[in-house]
Amino acid sequence: MSTLAEIEMAIPHLDVAELSHLERVVHSLRLRKAPPRRLSAFDLGPLQLGKVLKPLTAEDDLLVEMLDDARD
């Protein structure tokens, strides 16, 4: 029998404190063994940038200019 199968069989018999400890141990080991992650903007929390100084208008939309850019 594999170690993982033995662990899976033992988990239902653990009490709440033991389950909590197991979660912390597994989480800690996973963080240590995982390759380092590159930070992403998705890792950041919401930002407070203050009030809007000037609302965007249709003239501020540059998508058409970007799509039609002839500089390839």
PDB file of N, CA and C in Angstrom:
ATOM      1  N   MET A   1       0.847  -1.177   0.000  1.00  0.00           N
ATOM      2  CA  MET A   1       0.000   0.000   0.000  1.00  0.00           C
ATOM      3  C   MET A   1       0.897   1.247   0.000  1.00  0.00           C
ATOM      4  N   SER A   2       0.505   2.269  -0.728  1.00  0.00           N
ATOM      5  CA  SER A   2       1.316   3.478  -0.802  1.00  0.00           C
ATOM      6  C   SER A   2       1.092   4.356   0.419  1.00  0.00           C
ATOM      7  N   THR A   3       2.029   5.224   0.662  1.00  0.00           N
ATOM      8  CA  THR A   3       1.918   6.155   1.779  1.00  0.00           C
ATOM      9  C   THR A   3       0.700   7.054   1.618  1.00  0.00           C
ATOM     10  N   LEU A   4       0.431   7.516   0.403  1.00  0.00           N
ATOM     11  CA  LEU A   4      -0.714   8.386   0.161  1.00  0.00           C
ATOM     12  C   LEU A   4      -2.022   7.678   0.494  1.00  0.00           C
ATOM     13  N   ALA A   5      -2.142   6.430   0.125  1.00  0.00           N
ATOM     14  CA  ALA A   5      -3.354   5.671   0.435  1.00  0.00           C
ATOM     15  C   ALA A   5      -3.528   5.521   1.940  1.00  0.00           C
ATOM     16  N   GLU A   6      -2.423   5.302   2.662  1.00  0.00           N
ATOM     17  CA  GLU A   6      -2.495   5.190   4.121  1.00  0.00           C
ATOM     18  C   GLU A   6      -2.940   6.505   4.743  1.00  0.00           C
ATOM     19  N   ILE A   7      -2.428   7.608   4.217  1.00  0.00           N
ATOM     20  CA  ILE A   7      -2.810   8.932   4.725  1.00  0.00           C
ATOM     21  C   ILE A   7      -4.294   9.176   4.479  1.00  0.00           C
ATOM     22  N   GLU A   8      -4.756   8.860   3.274  1.00  0.00           N
ATOM     23  CA  GLU A   8      -6.170   9.051   2.940  1.00  0.00           C
ATOM     24  C   GLU A   8      -7.077   8.222   3.840  1.00  0.00           C
ATOM     25  N   MET A   9      -6.625   7.045   4.231  1.00  0.00           N
ATOM     26  CA  MET A   9      -7.430   6.201   5.112  1.00  0.00           C
ATOM     27  C   MET A   9      -7.444   6.750   6.538  1.00  0.00           C
ATOM     28  N   ALA A  10      -6.377   7.417   6.956  1.00  0.00           N
ATOM     29  CA  ALA A  10      -6.271   7.921   8.324  1.00  0.00           C
ATOM     30  C   ALA A  10      -6.997   9.253   8.511  1.00  0.00           C
ATOM     31  N   ILE A  11      -7.123  10.047   7.469  1.00  0.00           N
ATOM     32  CA  ILE A  11      -7.697  11.394   7.589  1.00  0.00           C
ATOM     33  C   ILE A  11      -9.090  11.407   8.219  1.00  0.00           C
ATOM     34  N   PRO A  12     -10.019  10.543   7.825  1.00  0.00           N
ATOM     35  CA  PRO A  12     -11.357  10.598   8.435  1.00  0.00           C
ATOM     36  C   PRO A  12     -11.359  10.353   9.944  1.00  0.00           C
ATOM     37  N   HIS A  13     -10.306   9.775  10.483  1.00  0.00           N
ATOM     38  CA  HIS A  13     -10.253   9.451  11.912  1.00  0.00           C
ATOM     39  C   HIS A  13      -9.593  10.563  12.732  1.00  0.00           C
ATOM     40  N   LEU A  14      -9.111  11.621  12.093  1.00  0.00           N
ATOM     41  CA  LEU A  14      -8.458  12.713  12.816  1.00  0.00           C
ATOM     42  C   LEU A  14      -9.502  13.634  13.423  1.00  0.00           C
ATOM     43  N   ASP A  15      -9.151  14.217  14.596  1.00  0.00           N
ATOM     44  CA  ASP A  15     -10.067  15.199  15.182  1.00  0.00           C
ATOM     45  C   ASP A  15      -9.797  16.571  14.557  1.00  0.00           C
ATOM     46  N   VAL A  16     -10.559  17.550  14.966  1.00  0.00           N
ATOM     47  CA  VAL A  16     -10.486  18.882  14.341  1.00  0.00           C
ATOM     48  C   VAL A  16      -9.101  19.498  14.494  1.00  0.00           C
ATOM     49  N   ALA A  17      -8.505  19.383  15.665  1.00  0.00           N
ATOM     50  CA  ALA A  17      -7.179  19.965  15.889  1.00  0.00           C
ATOM     51  C   ALA A  17      -6.130  19.284  15.007  1.00  0.00           C
ATOM     52  N   GLU A  18      -6.230  17.979  14.879  1.00  0.00           N
ATOM     53  CA  GLU A  18      -5.280  17.244  14.042  1.00  0.00           C
ATOM     54  C   GLU A  18      -5.462  17.599  12.567  1.00  0.00           C
ATOM     55  N   LEU A  19      -6.704  17.766  12.123  1.00  0.00           N
ATOM     56  CA  LEU A  19      -6.955  18.167  10.735  1.00  0.00           C
ATOM     57  C   LEU A  19      -6.383  19.555  10.460  1.00  0.00           C
ATOM     58  N   SER A  20      -6.546  20.446  11.423  1.00  0.00           N
ATOM     59  CA  SER A  20      -6.015  21.800  11.274  1.00  0.00           C
ATOM     60  C   SER A  20      -4.492  21.765  11.171  1.00  0.00           C
ATOM     61  N   HIS A  21      -3.871  20.964  12.015  1.00  0.00           N
ATOM     62  CA  HIS A  21      -2.408  20.831  11.972  1.00  0.00           C
ATOM     63  C   HIS A  21      -1.961  20.229  10.636  1.00  0.00           C
ATOM     64  N   LEU A  22      -2.668  19.214  10.171  1.00  0.00           N
ATOM     65  CA  LEU A  22      -2.336  18.590   8.890  1.00  0.00           C
ATOM     66  C   LEU A  22      -2.428  19.600   7.749  1.00  0.00           C
ATOM     67  N   GLU A  23      -3.476  20.422   7.759  1.00  0.00           N
ATOM     68  CA  GLU A  23      -3.628  21.449   6.719  1.00  0.00           C
ATOM     69  C   GLU A  23      -2.440  22.407   6.716  1.00  0.00           C
ATOM     70  N   ARG A  24      -2.017  22.843   7.904  1.00  0.00           N
ATOM     71  CA  ARG A  24      -0.878  23.774   7.985  1.00  0.00           C
ATOM     72  C   ARG A  24       0.405  23.125   7.475  1.00  0.00           C
ATOM     73  N   VAL A  25       0.608  21.865   7.842  1.00  0.00           N
ATOM     74  CA  VAL A  25       1.822  21.155   7.409  1.00  0.00           C
ATOM     75  C   VAL A  25       1.831  20.997   5.887  1.00  0.00           C
ATOM     76  N   VAL A  26       0.721  20.549   5.325  1.00  0.00           N
ATOM     77  CA  VAL A  26       0.649  20.340   3.874  1.00  0.00           C
ATOM     78  C   VAL A  26       0.825  21.668   3.134  1.00  0.00           C
ATOM     79  N   HIS A  27       0.172  22.710   3.614  1.00  0.00           N
ATOM     80  CA  HIS A  27       0.293  24.032   2.977  1.00  0.00           C
ATOM     81  C   HIS A  27       1.744  24.515   3.021  1.00  0.00           C
ATOM     82  N   SER A  28       2.386  24.380   4.168  1.00  0.00           N
ATOM     83  CA  SER A  28       3.777  24.813   4.318  1.00  0.00           C
ATOM     84  C   SER A  28       4.704  24.031   3.384  1.00  0.00           C
ATOM     85  N   LEU A  29       4.525  22.730   3.323  1.00  0.00           N
ATOM     86  CA  LEU A  29       5.368  21.909   2.445  1.00  0.00           C
ATOM     87  C   LEU A  29       5.142  22.236   0.975  1.00  0.00           C
ATOM     88  N   ARG A  30       3.871  22.475   0.607  1.00  0.00           N
ATOM     89  CA  ARG A  30       3.578  22.807  -0.785  1.00  0.00           C
ATOM     90  C   ARG A  30       4.251  24.117  -1.179  1.00  0.00           C
ATOM     91  N   LEU A  31       4.236  25.109  -0.282  1.00  0.00           N
ATOM     92  CA  LEU A  31       4.883  26.386  -0.578  1.00  0.00           C
ATOM     93  C   LEU A  31       6.389  26.230  -0.734  1.00  0.00           C
ATOM     94  N   ARG A  32       6.988  25.366   0.099  1.00  0.00           N
ATOM     95  CA  ARG A  32       8.443  25.173   0.015  1.00  0.00           C
ATOM     96  C   ARG A  32       8.862  24.401  -1.235  1.00  0.00           C
ATOM     97  N   LYS A  33       8.034  23.467  -1.677  1.00  0.00           N
ATOM     98  CA  LYS A  33       8.402  22.634  -2.813  1.00  0.00           C
ATOM     99  C   LYS A  33       7.990  23.213  -4.162  1.00  0.00           C
ATOM    100  N   ALA A  34       7.030  24.110  -4.163  1.00  0.00           N
ATOM    101  CA  ALA A  34       6.557  24.682  -5.421  1.00  0.00           C
ATOM    102  C   ALA A  34       7.613  25.621  -5.991  1.00  0.00           C
ATOM    103  N   PRO A  35       7.713  25.687  -7.316  1.00  0.00           N
ATOM    104  CA  PRO A  35       8.660  26.633  -7.907  1.00  0.00           C
ATOM    105  C   PRO A  35       8.228  28.055  -7.573  1.00  0.00           C
ATOM    106  N   PRO A  36       9.179  28.964  -7.473  1.00  0.00           N
ATOM    107  CA  PRO A  36       8.818  30.342  -7.136  1.00  0.00           C
ATOM    108  C   PRO A  36       7.865  30.929  -8.173  1.00  0.00           C
ATOM    109  N   ARG A  37       6.835  31.588  -7.680  1.00  0.00           N
ATOM    110  CA  ARG A  37       5.851  32.199  -8.580  1.00  0.00           C
ATOM    111  C   ARG A  37       6.277  33.613  -8.911  1.00  0.00           C
ATOM    112  N   ARG A  38       5.984  33.987 -10.146  1.00  0.00           N
ATOM    113  CA  ARG A  38       6.168  35.386 -10.504  1.00  0.00           C
ATOM    114  C   ARG A  38       4.915  36.125 -10.072  1.00  0.00           C
ATOM    115  N   LEU A  39       5.099  37.315  -9.575  1.00  0.00           N
ATOM    116  CA  LEU A  39       3.947  38.098  -9.142  1.00  0.00           C
ATOM    117  C   LEU A  39       3.138  38.558 -10.344  1.00  0.00           C
ATOM    118  N   SER A  40       1.871  38.654 -10.147  1.00  0.00           N
ATOM    119  CA  SER A  40       0.946  39.073 -11.184  1.00  0.00           C
ATOM    120  C   SER A  40       0.073  40.186 -10.627  1.00  0.00           C
ATOM    121  N   ALA A  41      -0.510  40.977 -11.515  1.00  0.00           N
ATOM    122  CA  ALA A  41      -1.447  42.003 -11.076  1.00  0.00           C
ATOM    123  C   ALA A  41      -2.646  41.361 -10.386  1.00  0.00           C
ATOM    124  N   PHE A  42      -2.949  40.105 -10.709  1.00  0.00           N
ATOM    125  CA  PHE A  42      -4.059  39.412 -10.074  1.00  0.00           C
ATOM    126  C   PHE A  42      -3.763  39.078  -8.613  1.00  0.00           C
ATOM    127  N   ASP A  43      -2.486  39.131  -8.210  1.00  0.00           N
ATOM    128  CA  ASP A  43      -2.118  38.869  -6.822  1.00  0.00           C
ATOM    129  C   ASP A  43      -2.357  40.080  -5.933  1.00  0.00           C
ATOM    130  N   LEU A  44      -2.549  41.236  -6.518  1.00  0.00           N
ATOM    131  CA  LEU A  44      -2.749  42.463  -5.761  1.00  0.00           C
ATOM    132  C   LEU A  44      -4.196  42.592  -5.313  1.00  0.00           C
ATOM    133  N   GLY A  45      -4.378  43.248  -4.196  1.00  0.00           N
ATOM    134  CA  GLY A  45      -5.727  43.549  -3.727  1.00  0.00           C
ATOM    135  C   GLY A  45      -6.267  44.759  -4.471  1.00  0.00           C
ATOM    136  N   PRO A  46      -7.504  45.131  -4.182  1.00  0.00           N
ATOM    137  CA  PRO A  46      -8.077  46.315  -4.828  1.00  0.00           C
ATOM    138  C   PRO A  46      -7.271  47.565  -4.470  1.00  0.00           C
ATOM    139  N   LEU A  47      -7.121  48.435  -5.426  1.00  0.00           N
ATOM    140  CA  LEU A  47      -6.384  49.675  -5.209  1.00  0.00           C
ATOM    141  C   LEU A  47      -7.346  50.840  -5.052  1.00  0.00           C
ATOM    142  N   GLN A  48      -7.010  51.770  -4.187  1.00  0.00           N
ATOM    143  CA  GLN A  48      -7.776  52.998  -4.036  1.00  0.00           C
ATOM    144  C   GLN A  48      -6.965  54.110  -4.691  1.00  0.00           C
ATOM    145  N   LEU A  49      -7.394  54.553  -5.842  1.00  0.00           N
ATOM    146  CA  LEU A  49      -6.641  55.540  -6.613  1.00  0.00           C
ATOM    147  C   LEU A  49      -7.202  56.953  -6.488  1.00  0.00           C
ATOM    148  N   GLY A  50      -8.220  57.119  -5.682  1.00  0.00           N
ATOM    149  CA  GLY A  50      -8.799  58.436  -5.499  1.00  0.00           C
ATOM    150  C   GLY A  50      -9.961  58.661  -6.444  1.00  0.00           C
ATOM    151  N   LYS A  51     -10.397  59.922  -6.499  1.00  0.00           N
ATOM    152  CA  LYS A  51     -11.565  60.240  -7.319  1.00  0.00           C
ATOM    153  C   LYS A  51     -11.178  60.402  -8.790  1.00  0.00           C
ATOM    154  N   VAL A  52     -12.155  60.264  -9.661  1.00  0.00           N
ATOM    155  CA  VAL A  52     -11.949  60.425 -11.099  1.00  0.00           C
ATOM    156  C   VAL A  52     -11.816  61.912 -11.395  1.00  0.00           C
ATOM    157  N   LEU A  53     -10.719  62.304 -12.025  1.00  0.00           N
ATOM    158  CA  LEU A  53     -10.502  63.711 -12.331  1.00  0.00           C
ATOM    159  C   LEU A  53     -11.274  64.142 -13.567  1.00  0.00           C
ATOM    160  N   LYS A  54     -11.282  63.261 -14.572  1.00  0.00           N
ATOM    161  CA  LYS A  54     -11.997  63.572 -15.806  1.00  0.00           C
ATOM    162  C   LYS A  54     -12.545  62.259 -16.348  1.00  0.00           C
ATOM    163  N   PRO A  55     -13.860  62.131 -16.475  1.00  0.00           N
ATOM    164  CA  PRO A  55     -14.421  60.877 -16.982  1.00  0.00           C
ATOM    165  C   PRO A  55     -13.991  60.621 -18.431  1.00  0.00           C
ATOM    166  N   LEU A  56     -13.882  59.353 -18.783  1.00  0.00           N
ATOM    167  CA  LEU A  56     -13.528  58.989 -20.150  1.00  0.00           C
ATOM    168  C   LEU A  56     -14.697  59.254 -21.085  1.00  0.00           C
ATOM    169  N   THR A  57     -14.369  59.649 -22.307  1.00  0.00           N
ATOM    170  CA  THR A  57     -15.387  59.870 -23.336  1.00  0.00           C
ATOM    171  C   THR A  57     -15.070  59.002 -24.544  1.00  0.00           C
ATOM    172  N   ALA A  58     -15.930  59.035 -25.555  1.00  0.00           N
ATOM    173  CA  ALA A  58     -15.696  58.264 -26.777  1.00  0.00           C
ATOM    174  C   ALA A  58     -14.410  58.707 -27.457  1.00  0.00           C
ATOM    175  N   GLU A  59     -14.041  59.961 -27.316  1.00  0.00           N
ATOM    176  CA  GLU A  59     -12.802  60.462 -27.934  1.00  0.00           C
ATOM    177  C   GLU A  59     -11.552  59.877 -27.288  1.00  0.00           C
ATOM    178  N   ASP A  60     -11.678  59.374 -26.069  1.00  0.00           N
ATOM    179  CA  ASP A  60     -10.536  58.787 -25.367  1.00  0.00           C
ATOM    180  C   ASP A  60     -10.291  57.335 -25.768  1.00  0.00           C
ATOM    181  N   ASP A  61     -11.186  56.741 -26.541  1.00  0.00           N
ATOM    182  CA  ASP A  61     -11.056  55.349 -26.953  1.00  0.00           C
ATOM    183  C   ASP A  61     -10.076  55.261 -28.118  1.00  0.00           C
ATOM    184  N   LEU A  62      -8.936  54.652 -27.877  1.00  0.00           N
ATOM    185  CA  LEU A  62      -7.884  54.572 -28.890  1.00  0.00           C
ATOM    186  C   LEU A  62      -7.808  53.198 -29.558  1.00  0.00           C
ATOM    187  N   LEU A  63      -8.770  52.343 -29.294  1.00  0.00           N
ATOM    188  CA  LEU A  63      -8.715  50.988 -29.839  1.00  0.00           C
ATOM    189  C   LEU A  63      -8.685  50.988 -31.367  1.00  0.00           C
ATOM    190  N   VAL A  64      -9.493  51.809 -32.003  1.00  0.00           N
ATOM    191  CA  VAL A  64      -9.522  51.848 -33.470  1.00  0.00           C
ATOM    192  C   VAL A  64      -8.156  52.259 -34.006  1.00  0.00           C
ATOM    193  N   GLU A  65      -7.550  53.258 -33.381  1.00  0.00           N
ATOM    194  CA  GLU A  65      -6.224  53.695 -33.825  1.00  0.00           C
ATOM    195  C   GLU A  65      -5.190  52.594 -33.634  1.00  0.00           C
ATOM    196  N   MET A  66      -5.285  51.866 -32.550  1.00  0.00           N
ATOM    197  CA  MET A  66      -4.325  50.791 -32.305  1.00  0.00           C
ATOM    198  C   MET A  66      -4.508  49.663 -33.307  1.00  0.00           C
ATOM    199  N   LEU A  67      -5.753  49.331 -33.636  1.00  0.00           N
ATOM    200  CA  LEU A  67      -6.012  48.249 -34.578  1.00  0.00           C
ATOM    201  C   LEU A  67      -5.626  48.619 -36.006  1.00  0.00           C
ATOM    202  N   ASP A  68      -5.749  49.883 -36.366  1.00  0.00           N
ATOM    203  CA  ASP A  68      -5.442  50.347 -37.708  1.00  0.00           C
ATOM    204  C   ASP A  68      -4.016  50.846 -37.860  1.00  0.00           C
ATOM    205  N   ASP A  69      -3.188  50.633 -36.848  1.00  0.00           N
ATOM    206  CA  ASP A  69      -1.811  51.135 -36.892  1.00  0.00           C
ATOM    207  C   ASP A  69      -1.040  50.424 -38.000  1.00  0.00           C
ATOM    208  N   ALA A  70      -0.439  51.191 -38.893  1.00  0.00           N
ATOM    209  CA  ALA A  70       0.291  50.628 -40.038  1.00  0.00           C
ATOM    210  C   ALA A  70       1.759  50.356 -39.715  1.00  0.00           C
ATOM    211  N   ARG A  71       2.190  50.581 -38.487  1.00  0.00           N
ATOM    212  CA  ARG A  71       3.608  50.390 -38.131  1.00  0.00           C
ATOM    213  C   ARG A  71       3.895  48.926 -37.803  1.00  0.00           C
ATOM    214  N   ASP A  72       3.918  48.060 -38.736  1.00  0.00           N
ATOM    215  CA  ASP A  72       4.209  46.643 -38.458  1.00  0.00           C
ATOM    216  C   ASP A  72       5.588  46.281 -38.793  1.00  0.00           C
TER     217      ASP A  72
END
